[in-house]
Amino acid sequence: SHTNTNVNSTVPRSIYETNRFLLQERFAPTYIEYAAFYGSMKIFKYLLLNKARIQFIGPRYAISGGNLDIIHILEDSNVDNFDEGCLIHAIVFHQNEILDYLHSSLGIPYGKNCLKWSILSYNFYAFSKILASFVKKSKKSNDIEGFEHLFAVGLQAAVKSGSLEMVEYIVSSAKIDFNKMNEKKEYGLIHKAAQYANIDVFRFISSLPA
């Protein structure tokens, strides 16, 4: 049936909205952005056919929805402002298929913040992929010290988050002189664990062989 609804209108704010990303956005999403956010291809295509504007869609909406077909439509429509922030968004939302596509097919490199957010988001898949990339890069450039620093910063984030599972995973994932690193004042992992009252993490770090 015919209605006078503008397909480029925004979705009204609602007290029932619980998604943090949508709540934090400065502007309410348009209908087509909302469809992309939930990966609803049928609604997305319907809005396109009815001339919804696609040029200004933030790619993060499509990344959240995890629908690669929608990502491809954005690419075909020259919505190509994909960057490291998009990688981080895929990591936070655990959209790992999209993460692989952005990195491998679009060639967006992993940055330090990607490693940090993989830890803070408990995204083990993303962490292992990013870590492997950094290991390969450090071996190629022979920058072992730089990698160890990056690894230590990531481990600090895991200790601060209080996730014992993630700390154990990180320690077992990279062959680094953990005790030597722990002795450096700028890292202070045991002190960090104590500072944030993470008892299990503190015990684990303390139990590592000297």
Protein backbone atom coordinates (compact mmCIF):
# COMPACT_ATOMS: atom_id res chain seq x y z
CA SER A 1 0.00 0.00 0.00
CA HIS A 2 1.13 3.57 -0.71
CA THR A 3 2.38 5.68 2.20
CA ASN A 4 3.95 9.11 2.47
CA THR A 5 6.89 7.83 4.51
CA ASN A 6 10.21 9.29 3.41
CA VAL A 7 12.61 6.36 2.88
CA ASN A 8 15.49 8.65 3.86
CA SER A 9 14.00 9.44 7.26
CA THR A 10 15.80 8.48 10.45
CA VAL A 11 14.68 5.85 12.92
CA PRO A 12 13.10 7.60 15.94
CA ARG A 13 14.99 7.37 19.22
CA SER A 14 13.51 4.77 21.55
CA ILE A 15 13.83 4.05 25.25
CA TYR A 16 13.74 0.36 24.27
CA GLU A 17 16.94 0.55 22.22
CA THR A 18 19.67 -1.36 24.05
CA ASN A 19 22.54 -1.49 21.56
CA ARG A 20 25.40 0.64 22.85
CA PHE A 21 26.69 1.57 19.40
CA LEU A 22 23.31 2.95 18.31
CA LEU A 23 22.86 4.78 21.60
CA GLN A 24 26.27 6.43 21.32
CA GLU A 25 25.78 7.67 17.76
CA ARG A 26 25.34 11.42 17.57
CA PHE A 27 22.73 11.19 14.83
CA ALA A 28 19.91 8.67 14.61
CA PRO A 29 20.43 6.13 11.80
CA THR A 30 18.43 6.29 8.59
CA TYR A 31 16.17 3.37 7.72
CA ILE A 32 18.74 1.93 5.32
CA GLU A 33 21.52 2.26 7.91
CA TYR A 34 19.30 0.48 10.43
CA ALA A 35 18.66 -2.34 7.92
CA ALA A 36 22.42 -2.61 7.30
CA PHE A 37 23.10 -2.68 11.04
CA TYR A 38 20.91 -5.75 11.44
CA GLY A 39 22.09 -7.38 8.21
CA SER A 40 18.58 -7.34 6.74
CA MET A 41 19.26 -7.74 3.02
CA LYS A 42 15.60 -7.80 1.93
CA ILE A 43 14.77 -4.53 3.66
CA PHE A 44 18.06 -3.01 2.49
CA LYS A 45 17.29 -3.86 -1.16
CA TYR A 46 13.68 -2.68 -0.81
CA LEU A 47 14.87 0.72 0.43
CA LEU A 48 17.42 0.90 -2.39
CA LEU A 49 14.74 0.18 -4.98
CA ASN A 50 12.71 3.00 -3.47
CA LYS A 51 15.64 5.40 -3.90
CA ALA A 52 17.02 5.50 -0.39
CA ARG A 53 20.30 7.41 -0.37
CA ILE A 54 23.24 5.04 0.01
CA GLN A 55 26.12 7.47 -0.56
CA PHE A 56 26.31 8.66 3.04
CA ILE A 57 25.91 5.33 4.82
CA GLY A 58 28.54 4.85 7.51
CA PRO A 59 30.26 1.52 6.74
CA ARG A 60 30.26 0.65 10.43
CA TYR A 61 26.52 0.02 10.25
CA ALA A 62 27.06 -2.64 7.59
CA ILE A 63 30.03 -4.11 9.46
CA SER A 64 27.91 -4.50 12.60
CA GLY A 65 25.32 -6.47 10.63
CA GLY A 66 27.96 -8.84 9.26
CA ASN A 67 26.33 -9.15 5.82
CA LEU A 68 29.05 -9.29 3.15
CA ASP A 69 26.53 -8.73 0.36
CA ILE A 70 25.65 -5.36 1.86
CA ILE A 71 29.37 -4.54 2.13
CA HIS A 72 29.75 -5.35 -1.59
CA ILE A 73 26.80 -3.11 -2.48
CA LEU A 74 28.46 -0.25 -0.60
CA GLU A 75 31.69 -0.87 -2.51
CA ASP A 76 29.85 -0.93 -5.84
CA SER A 77 28.18 2.36 -4.88
CA ASN A 78 31.59 3.95 -4.15
CA VAL A 79 31.01 4.05 -0.41
CA ASP A 80 34.65 3.21 0.12
CA ASN A 81 35.66 4.96 3.33
CA PHE A 82 36.81 1.71 4.92
CA ASP A 83 39.73 2.20 7.32
CA GLU A 84 41.35 0.83 10.47
CA GLY A 85 38.35 2.04 12.46
CA CYS A 86 36.26 -0.40 10.44
CA LEU A 87 38.62 -3.24 11.39
CA ILE A 88 38.23 -2.31 15.05
CA HIS A 89 34.45 -2.21 14.66
CA ALA A 90 34.47 -5.71 13.14
CA ILE A 91 36.63 -6.91 16.04
CA VAL A 92 34.38 -5.41 18.71
CA PHE A 93 31.24 -6.90 17.11
CA HIS A 94 33.00 -10.26 16.53
CA GLN A 95 32.26 -10.06 12.81
CA ASN A 96 35.34 -12.08 11.95
CA GLU A 97 34.36 -12.92 8.38
CA ILE A 98 34.08 -9.18 7.70
CA LEU A 99 37.40 -8.62 9.50
CA ASP A 100 39.15 -11.12 7.20
CA TYR A 101 37.59 -9.52 4.13
CA LEU A 102 38.61 -5.98 5.11
CA HIS A 103 42.16 -7.05 5.84
CA SER A 104 42.79 -9.63 3.12
CA SER A 105 40.66 -8.36 0.23
CA LEU A 106 40.64 -4.59 0.81
CA GLY A 107 44.19 -4.56 2.14
CA ILE A 108 43.51 -2.58 5.33
CA PRO A 109 46.51 -3.23 7.61
CA TYR A 110 46.21 -4.14 11.28
CA GLY A 111 47.32 -1.37 13.63
CA LYS A 112 48.25 -1.41 17.30
CA ASN A 113 44.72 -0.49 18.29
CA CYS A 114 43.40 -3.60 16.53
CA LEU A 115 45.46 -5.78 18.87
CA LYS A 116 44.29 -3.80 21.88
CA TRP A 117 40.61 -4.05 20.95
CA SER A 118 40.83 -7.76 20.16
CA ILE A 119 41.89 -8.20 23.78
CA LEU A 120 39.36 -5.82 25.31
CA SER A 121 36.60 -7.45 23.26
CA TYR A 122 37.73 -11.01 24.13
CA ASN A 123 37.93 -11.76 20.41
CA PHE A 124 40.36 -14.68 20.43
CA TYR A 125 40.05 -15.26 16.69
CA ALA A 126 40.96 -11.67 15.86
CA PHE A 127 43.78 -11.66 18.41
CA SER A 128 45.42 -14.76 16.93
CA LYS A 129 45.14 -13.37 13.39
CA ILE A 130 46.57 -9.98 14.33
CA LEU A 131 49.32 -11.50 16.45
CA ALA A 132 50.37 -13.79 13.59
CA SER A 133 50.48 -10.76 11.28
CA PHE A 134 52.70 -8.82 13.68
CA VAL A 135 55.01 -11.81 14.22
CA LYS A 136 55.44 -12.17 10.46
CA LYS A 137 56.08 -8.45 10.06
CA SER A 138 58.61 -8.30 12.92
CA LYS A 139 60.53 -11.29 11.54
CA LYS A 140 60.65 -9.69 8.12
CA SER A 141 62.00 -6.42 9.52
CA ASN A 142 63.98 -8.14 12.29
CA ASP A 143 62.27 -5.81 14.79
CA ILE A 144 61.87 -8.28 17.66
CA GLU A 145 62.16 -5.59 20.31
CA GLY A 146 59.38 -3.56 18.70
CA PHE A 147 57.14 -6.62 18.63
CA GLU A 148 57.88 -7.42 22.27
CA HIS A 149 56.86 -3.89 23.23
CA LEU A 150 53.63 -4.17 21.26
CA PHE A 151 52.94 -7.57 22.82
CA ALA A 152 53.57 -6.18 26.32
CA VAL A 153 51.17 -3.28 25.75
CA GLY A 154 48.52 -5.76 24.64
CA LEU A 155 49.16 -7.95 27.65
CA GLN A 156 48.80 -4.91 29.90
CA ALA A 157 45.35 -4.33 28.44
CA ALA A 158 44.40 -7.96 29.13
CA VAL A 159 45.63 -7.74 32.73
CA LYS A 160 43.68 -4.52 33.21
CA SER A 161 40.53 -6.14 31.78
CA GLY A 162 40.81 -8.91 34.37
CA SER A 163 40.24 -11.74 31.91
CA LEU A 164 42.35 -14.66 33.14
CA GLU A 165 41.42 -16.67 30.04
CA MET A 166 42.72 -13.96 27.73
CA VAL A 167 45.92 -13.45 29.76
CA GLU A 168 46.63 -17.20 29.65
CA TYR A 169 45.92 -17.28 25.93
CA ILE A 170 48.26 -14.35 25.22
CA VAL A 171 51.11 -15.75 27.32
CA SER A 172 50.87 -19.11 25.55
CA SER A 173 50.62 -17.48 22.09
CA ALA A 174 53.98 -15.72 21.88
CA LYS A 175 57.42 -17.00 22.79
CA ILE A 176 58.72 -14.07 24.79
CA ASP A 177 60.83 -13.84 27.92
CA PHE A 178 57.85 -13.02 30.08
CA ASN A 179 59.77 -12.60 33.33
CA LYS A 180 62.30 -10.26 31.74
CA MET A 181 59.42 -8.20 30.39
CA ASN A 182 57.63 -8.21 33.74
CA GLU A 183 60.70 -6.79 35.47
CA LYS A 184 60.57 -3.62 33.35
CA LYS A 185 58.94 -0.79 35.24
CA GLU A 186 57.03 0.50 32.22
CA TYR A 187 55.09 -2.78 32.03
CA GLY A 188 54.69 -3.82 35.69
CA LEU A 189 52.16 -6.58 34.99
CA ILE A 190 52.05 -7.93 38.55
CA HIS A 191 51.52 -4.41 39.87
CA LYS A 192 48.77 -3.85 37.31
CA ALA A 193 46.97 -7.01 38.41
CA ALA A 194 47.26 -5.97 42.05
CA GLN A 195 46.16 -2.42 41.27
CA TYR A 196 42.95 -3.60 39.63
CA ALA A 197 42.37 -6.28 42.28
CA ASN A 198 42.44 -9.08 39.73
CA ILE A 199 43.33 -11.89 42.13
CA ASP A 200 43.21 -14.78 39.64
CA VAL A 201 45.34 -12.87 37.13
CA PHE A 202 47.77 -11.88 39.89
CA ARG A 203 48.15 -15.51 40.98
CA PHE A 204 48.68 -16.68 37.42
CA ILE A 205 51.42 -14.12 36.69
CA SER A 206 53.08 -14.83 40.05
CA SER A 207 53.09 -18.57 39.32
CA LEU A 208 54.98 -18.30 36.04
CA PRO A 209 58.42 -19.94 36.29
CA ALA A 210 61.29 -17.55 36.94
